């Protein structure tokens, strides 16, 4: 197990302002979908899943799969899994809303893909609002969540299109000051 160092004073201040308890760094464990849950969302048997790809703050690219982070307050890209996070908050607005986007070539052309964003919410008593996009159809849905969550995006294939994408964008206001942590995202497809 990796040794977690205590964050320095500037990091402590960032954590304090975003209402994040830095002592939780060593115990953060994001909620992840099981293979059975992924298969169910894709409408197939577990055995039909193809190889998946995981991207994170310390591994934002894999081949032609790219992760972009918008308005992150802080990124810890340590190889230790518990320190491989990005911190976001609506309490610190910028020109671009806090969020994540992934663009990727199809794992299996012409098949459904599922993107799961693994996040933790700083305050379980607050309602967090996100706009969830999927490409290539450029459709979106507004969702509200609380607690540790997986936000999943099902991407249906489109004829002659092999580049897909998904995005989550936080909709909470500055006054709501809703901080959240991004751990990783996983792209899965049907074999």
C-alpha atoms as a PDB file:
ATOM      1  CA  UNK A   1       0.000   0.000   0.000  1.00  0.00           C
ATOM      2  CA  UNK A   2       1.277   3.456  -0.875  1.00  0.00           C
ATOM      3  CA  UNK A   3       2.200   5.898   1.864  1.00  0.00           C
ATOM      4  CA  UNK A   4       0.070   9.027   1.705  1.00  0.00           C
ATOM      5  CA  UNK A   5       1.891  12.217   2.611  1.00  0.00           C
ATOM      6  CA  UNK A   6       0.042  14.980   4.386  1.00  0.00           C
ATOM      7  CA  UNK A   7      -0.782  17.760   1.931  1.00  0.00           C
ATOM      8  CA  UNK A   8       1.161  20.990   2.320  1.00  0.00           C
ATOM      9  CA  UNK A   9      -0.424  24.261   3.466  1.00  0.00           C
ATOM     10  CA  UNK A  10      -1.640  25.512   0.022  1.00  0.00           C
ATOM     11  CA  UNK A  11      -3.268  22.142  -0.631  1.00  0.00           C
ATOM     12  CA  UNK A  12      -4.855  22.208   2.826  1.00  0.00           C
ATOM     13  CA  UNK A  13      -6.317  25.639   2.046  1.00  0.00           C
ATOM     14  CA  UNK A  14      -7.734  24.389  -1.254  1.00  0.00           C
ATOM     15  CA  UNK A  15      -9.285  21.402   0.515  1.00  0.00           C
ATOM     16  CA  UNK A  16     -10.740  23.621   3.235  1.00  0.00           C
ATOM     17  CA  UNK A  17     -12.308  26.072   0.770  1.00  0.00           C
ATOM     18  CA  UNK A  18     -13.894  23.234  -1.193  1.00  0.00           C
ATOM     19  CA  UNK A  19     -15.123  21.525   2.016  1.00  0.00           C
ATOM     20  CA  UNK A  20     -13.053  18.414   1.349  1.00  0.00           C
ATOM     21  CA  UNK A  21     -11.555  16.473   4.247  1.00  0.00           C
ATOM     22  CA  UNK A  22      -7.934  15.810   3.197  1.00  0.00           C
ATOM     23  CA  UNK A  23      -7.617  13.007   5.754  1.00  0.00           C
ATOM     24  CA  UNK A  24      -9.887  10.981   3.459  1.00  0.00           C
ATOM     25  CA  UNK A  25      -7.257  10.892   0.695  1.00  0.00           C
ATOM     26  CA  UNK A  26      -5.818   7.602   1.857  1.00  0.00           C
ATOM     27  CA  UNK A  27      -9.233   5.924   2.037  1.00  0.00           C
ATOM     28  CA  UNK A  28     -10.964   7.216  -1.108  1.00  0.00           C
ATOM     29  CA  UNK A  29     -12.488   4.364  -3.033  1.00  0.00           C
ATOM     30  CA  UNK A  30     -14.733   5.316  -5.934  1.00  0.00           C
ATOM     31  CA  UNK A  31     -17.843   3.368  -6.787  1.00  0.00           C
ATOM     32  CA  UNK A  32     -17.309   1.356  -9.978  1.00  0.00           C
ATOM     33  CA  UNK A  33     -19.667  -0.674 -12.108  1.00  0.00           C
ATOM     34  CA  UNK A  34     -19.206  -4.442 -12.099  1.00  0.00           C
ATOM     35  CA  UNK A  35     -18.811  -6.319 -15.382  1.00  0.00           C
ATOM     36  CA  UNK A  36     -22.339  -7.649 -14.887  1.00  0.00           C
ATOM     37  CA  UNK A  37     -23.727  -4.094 -14.499  1.00  0.00           C
ATOM     38  CA  UNK A  38     -21.805  -2.915 -17.584  1.00  0.00           C
ATOM     39  CA  UNK A  39     -23.108  -5.870 -19.613  1.00  0.00           C
ATOM     40  CA  UNK A  40     -26.678  -5.148 -18.474  1.00  0.00           C
ATOM     41  CA  UNK A  41     -26.414  -1.484 -19.560  1.00  0.00           C
ATOM     42  CA  UNK A  42     -25.009  -2.585 -22.934  1.00  0.00           C
ATOM     43  CA  UNK A  43     -27.757  -5.224 -23.257  1.00  0.00           C
ATOM     44  CA  UNK A  44     -25.415  -8.208 -23.594  1.00  0.00           C
ATOM     45  CA  UNK A  45     -24.092 -11.161 -21.616  1.00  0.00           C
ATOM     46  CA  UNK A  46     -20.971 -10.522 -19.517  1.00  0.00           C
ATOM     47  CA  UNK A  47     -18.968 -12.841 -21.774  1.00  0.00           C
ATOM     48  CA  UNK A  48     -19.711 -10.542 -24.741  1.00  0.00           C
ATOM     49  CA  UNK A  49     -17.832  -7.557 -23.250  1.00  0.00           C
ATOM     50  CA  UNK A  50     -14.666  -6.584 -25.058  1.00  0.00           C
ATOM     51  CA  UNK A  51     -11.537  -5.110 -23.533  1.00  0.00           C
ATOM     52  CA  UNK A  52     -12.154  -1.858 -21.726  1.00  0.00           C
ATOM     53  CA  UNK A  53      -9.922   1.199 -21.394  1.00  0.00           C
ATOM     54  CA  UNK A  54      -9.448   3.221 -18.189  1.00  0.00           C
ATOM     55  CA  UNK A  55      -8.306   6.856 -18.171  1.00  0.00           C
ATOM     56  CA  UNK A  56      -7.484   8.949 -15.092  1.00  0.00           C
ATOM     57  CA  UNK A  57      -5.655  12.140 -14.035  1.00  0.00           C
ATOM     58  CA  UNK A  58      -2.277  10.372 -14.254  1.00  0.00           C
ATOM     59  CA  UNK A  59      -3.217   8.563 -17.477  1.00  0.00           C
ATOM     60  CA  UNK A  60      -5.328  10.995 -19.549  1.00  0.00           C
ATOM     61  CA  UNK A  61      -4.440   9.334 -22.861  1.00  0.00           C
ATOM     62  CA  UNK A  62      -4.341   5.804 -24.190  1.00  0.00           C
ATOM     63  CA  UNK A  63      -3.782   5.476 -27.931  1.00  0.00           C
ATOM     64  CA  UNK A  64      -6.542   7.509 -29.587  1.00  0.00           C
ATOM     65  CA  UNK A  65      -8.542   7.919 -26.378  1.00  0.00           C
ATOM     66  CA  UNK A  66      -8.222  11.349 -24.733  1.00  0.00           C
ATOM     67  CA  UNK A  67      -9.470  12.718 -21.409  1.00  0.00           C
ATOM     68  CA  UNK A  68      -9.910  16.485 -20.991  1.00  0.00           C
ATOM     69  CA  UNK A  69     -10.532  18.153 -17.627  1.00  0.00           C
ATOM     70  CA  UNK A  70     -12.148  21.598 -17.455  1.00  0.00           C
ATOM     71  CA  UNK A  71     -11.766  24.003 -14.522  1.00  0.00           C
ATOM     72  CA  UNK A  72     -10.145  21.500 -12.161  1.00  0.00           C
ATOM     73  CA  UNK A  73      -9.082  23.230  -8.956  1.00  0.00           C
ATOM     74  CA  UNK A  74      -6.303  20.737  -8.416  1.00  0.00           C
ATOM     75  CA  UNK A  75      -4.995  17.558 -10.021  1.00  0.00           C
ATOM     76  CA  UNK A  76      -2.995  14.971  -8.071  1.00  0.00           C
ATOM     77  CA  UNK A  77      -1.518  12.634 -10.673  1.00  0.00           C
ATOM     78  CA  UNK A  78       0.439  10.426  -8.293  1.00  0.00           C
ATOM     79  CA  UNK A  79       0.901   6.782  -9.336  1.00  0.00           C
ATOM     80  CA  UNK A  80      -0.688   5.760  -6.011  1.00  0.00           C
ATOM     81  CA  UNK A  81      -4.350   5.081  -6.788  1.00  0.00           C
ATOM     82  CA  UNK A  82      -5.610   7.017  -3.748  1.00  0.00           C
ATOM     83  CA  UNK A  83      -3.720  10.141  -4.842  1.00  0.00           C
ATOM     84  CA  UNK A  84      -4.740   9.933  -8.496  1.00  0.00           C
ATOM     85  CA  UNK A  85      -7.600  12.450  -8.396  1.00  0.00           C
ATOM     86  CA  UNK A  86      -8.822  15.763  -9.738  1.00  0.00           C
ATOM     87  CA  UNK A  87     -10.754  18.152  -7.500  1.00  0.00           C
ATOM     88  CA  UNK A  88     -13.611  20.266  -8.895  1.00  0.00           C
ATOM     89  CA  UNK A  89     -16.074  22.702  -7.325  1.00  0.00           C
ATOM     90  CA  UNK A  90     -18.895  24.971  -8.443  1.00  0.00           C
ATOM     91  CA  UNK A  91     -17.772  27.322  -5.649  1.00  0.00           C
ATOM     92  CA  UNK A  92     -14.851  28.516  -7.780  1.00  0.00           C
ATOM     93  CA  UNK A  93     -16.380  29.434 -11.148  1.00  0.00           C
ATOM     94  CA  UNK A  94     -14.264  30.102 -14.207  1.00  0.00           C
ATOM     95  CA  UNK A  95     -15.098  30.835 -17.839  1.00  0.00           C
ATOM     96  CA  UNK A  96     -15.777  27.115 -18.349  1.00  0.00           C
ATOM     97  CA  UNK A  97     -18.009  24.998 -16.090  1.00  0.00           C
ATOM     98  CA  UNK A  98     -16.235  22.230 -14.130  1.00  0.00           C
ATOM     99  CA  UNK A  99     -16.344  19.011 -16.073  1.00  0.00           C
ATOM    100  CA  UNK A 100     -14.746  16.135 -17.939  1.00  0.00           C
ATOM    101  CA  UNK A 101     -14.794  15.034 -21.550  1.00  0.00           C
ATOM    102  CA  UNK A 102     -13.503  11.951 -23.310  1.00  0.00           C
ATOM    103  CA  UNK A 103     -13.067  11.486 -27.047  1.00  0.00           C
ATOM    104  CA  UNK A 104     -12.147   8.087 -28.449  1.00  0.00           C
ATOM    105  CA  UNK A 105     -12.075   5.882 -31.487  1.00  0.00           C
ATOM    106  CA  UNK A 106     -14.524   3.025 -31.167  1.00  0.00           C
ATOM    107  CA  UNK A 107     -13.218  -0.035 -29.342  1.00  0.00           C
ATOM    108  CA  UNK A 108     -15.533  -2.084 -31.561  1.00  0.00           C
ATOM    109  CA  UNK A 109     -16.856  -0.215 -34.609  1.00  0.00           C
ATOM    110  CA  UNK A 110     -20.621  -0.353 -35.041  1.00  0.00           C
ATOM    111  CA  UNK A 111     -21.250  -1.507 -31.445  1.00  0.00           C
ATOM    112  CA  UNK A 112     -22.586   0.206 -28.320  1.00  0.00           C
ATOM    113  CA  UNK A 113     -20.081   1.734 -25.903  1.00  0.00           C
ATOM    114  CA  UNK A 114     -20.481   2.617 -22.233  1.00  0.00           C
ATOM    115  CA  UNK A 115     -18.461   5.367 -20.549  1.00  0.00           C
ATOM    116  CA  UNK A 116     -18.479   5.397 -16.749  1.00  0.00           C
ATOM    117  CA  UNK A 117     -17.232   8.454 -14.851  1.00  0.00           C
ATOM    118  CA  UNK A 118     -16.162   7.435 -11.326  1.00  0.00           C
ATOM    119  CA  UNK A 119     -16.601  10.392  -8.965  1.00  0.00           C
ATOM    120  CA  UNK A 120     -17.039  11.115  -5.254  1.00  0.00           C
ATOM    121  CA  UNK A 121     -19.162  13.993  -3.985  1.00  0.00           C
ATOM    122  CA  UNK A 122     -17.773  16.016  -1.062  1.00  0.00           C
ATOM    123  CA  UNK A 123     -21.068  16.533   0.733  1.00  0.00           C
ATOM    124  CA  UNK A 124     -23.613  13.723   0.673  1.00  0.00           C
ATOM    125  CA  UNK A 125     -26.405  15.998   1.936  1.00  0.00           C
ATOM    126  CA  UNK A 126     -26.232  18.228  -1.168  1.00  0.00           C
ATOM    127  CA  UNK A 127     -27.788  17.642  -4.562  1.00  0.00           C
ATOM    128  CA  UNK A 128     -25.216  17.762  -7.357  1.00  0.00           C
ATOM    129  CA  UNK A 129     -26.391  18.702 -10.835  1.00  0.00           C
ATOM    130  CA  UNK A 130     -24.682  17.626 -14.035  1.00  0.00           C
ATOM    131  CA  UNK A 131     -25.374  17.853 -17.742  1.00  0.00           C
ATOM    132  CA  UNK A 132     -24.351  14.582 -19.403  1.00  0.00           C
ATOM    133  CA  UNK A 133     -23.528  14.641 -23.133  1.00  0.00           C
ATOM    134  CA  UNK A 134     -22.930  11.795 -25.563  1.00  0.00           C
ATOM    135  CA  UNK A 135     -21.453  12.012 -29.023  1.00  0.00           C
ATOM    136  CA  UNK A 136     -21.792  11.553 -32.004  1.00  0.00           C
ATOM    137  CA  UNK A 137     -25.502  12.364 -31.632  1.00  0.00           C
ATOM    138  CA  UNK A 138     -24.756  15.401 -29.412  1.00  0.00           C
ATOM    139  CA  UNK A 139     -27.667  14.637 -27.127  1.00  0.00           C
ATOM    140  CA  UNK A 140     -27.648  15.530 -23.443  1.00  0.00           C
ATOM    141  CA  UNK A 141     -29.546  14.895 -20.238  1.00  0.00           C
ATOM    142  CA  UNK A 142     -29.561  16.861 -16.978  1.00  0.00           C
ATOM    143  CA  UNK A 143     -29.225  14.685 -13.877  1.00  0.00           C
ATOM    144  CA  UNK A 144     -29.186  15.219 -10.099  1.00  0.00           C
ATOM    145  CA  UNK A 145     -27.202  12.911  -7.790  1.00  0.00           C
ATOM    146  CA  UNK A 146     -25.869  12.578  -4.231  1.00  0.00           C
ATOM    147  CA  UNK A 147     -23.258  10.361  -2.527  1.00  0.00           C
ATOM    148  CA  UNK A 148     -20.435   8.475  -4.260  1.00  0.00           C
ATOM    149  CA  UNK A 149     -21.528   7.854  -7.797  1.00  0.00           C
ATOM    150  CA  UNK A 150     -20.859   6.447 -11.203  1.00  0.00           C
ATOM    151  CA  UNK A 151     -22.256   8.566 -14.001  1.00  0.00           C
ATOM    152  CA  UNK A 152     -22.641   6.289 -17.013  1.00  0.00           C
ATOM    153  CA  UNK A 153     -23.194   7.312 -20.613  1.00  0.00           C
ATOM    154  CA  UNK A 154     -24.478   4.810 -23.181  1.00  0.00           C
ATOM    155  CA  UNK A 155     -23.323   5.593 -26.708  1.00  0.00           C
ATOM    156  CA  UNK A 156     -25.221   3.984 -29.564  1.00  0.00           C
ATOM    157  CA  UNK A 157     -23.363   3.486 -32.838  1.00  0.00           C
ATOM    158  CA  UNK A 158     -24.050   5.719 -35.818  1.00  0.00           C
ATOM    159  CA  UNK A 159     -23.523   4.626 -39.431  1.00  0.00           C
ATOM    160  CA  UNK A 160     -20.060   5.513 -40.782  1.00  0.00           C
ATOM    161  CA  UNK A 161     -18.952   7.172 -37.517  1.00  0.00           C
ATOM    162  CA  UNK A 162     -16.118   5.626 -35.520  1.00  0.00           C
ATOM    163  CA  UNK A 163     -15.212   8.501 -33.165  1.00  0.00           C
ATOM    164  CA  UNK A 164     -17.312   8.762 -30.017  1.00  0.00           C
ATOM    165  CA  UNK A 165     -17.322  10.884 -26.911  1.00  0.00           C
ATOM    166  CA  UNK A 166     -18.960  11.640 -23.592  1.00  0.00           C
ATOM    167  CA  UNK A 167     -18.918  14.620 -21.261  1.00  0.00           C
ATOM    168  CA  UNK A 168     -20.164  15.628 -17.830  1.00  0.00           C
ATOM    169  CA  UNK A 169     -20.512  19.308 -16.924  1.00  0.00           C
ATOM    170  CA  UNK A 170     -21.420  20.565 -13.461  1.00  0.00           C
ATOM    171  CA  UNK A 171     -24.482  22.829 -13.289  1.00  0.00           C
ATOM    172  CA  UNK A 172     -24.443  23.825  -9.595  1.00  0.00           C
ATOM    173  CA  UNK A 173     -24.091  27.529  -8.803  1.00  0.00           C
ATOM    174  CA  UNK A 174     -21.224  29.253  -7.002  1.00  0.00           C
ATOM    175  CA  UNK A 175     -23.482  29.779  -3.970  1.00  0.00           C
ATOM    176  CA  UNK A 176     -24.159  26.028  -3.754  1.00  0.00           C
ATOM    177  CA  UNK A 177     -20.372  25.401  -3.517  1.00  0.00           C
ATOM    178  CA  UNK A 178     -20.586  21.718  -4.490  1.00  0.00           C
ATOM    179  CA  UNK A 179     -17.133  20.111  -4.591  1.00  0.00           C
ATOM    180  CA  UNK A 180     -16.463  16.726  -6.165  1.00  0.00           C
ATOM    181  CA  UNK A 181     -13.578  14.415  -6.952  1.00  0.00           C
ATOM    182  CA  UNK A 182     -12.855  12.632 -10.215  1.00  0.00           C
ATOM    183  CA  UNK A 183     -11.064   9.284  -9.917  1.00  0.00           C
ATOM    184  CA  UNK A 184     -11.220   7.634 -13.337  1.00  0.00           C
ATOM    185  CA  UNK A 185     -13.357   6.792 -16.311  1.00  0.00           C
ATOM    186  CA  UNK A 186     -13.790   3.486 -18.060  1.00  0.00           C
ATOM    187  CA  UNK A 187     -14.848   2.851 -21.644  1.00  0.00           C
ATOM    188  CA  UNK A 188     -16.384  -0.567 -22.371  1.00  0.00           C
ATOM    189  CA  UNK A 189     -17.883  -2.097 -25.484  1.00  0.00           C
ATOM    190  CA  UNK A 190     -19.391  -5.248 -26.907  1.00  0.00           C
ATOM    191  CA  UNK A 191     -16.936  -7.709 -28.492  1.00  0.00           C
END
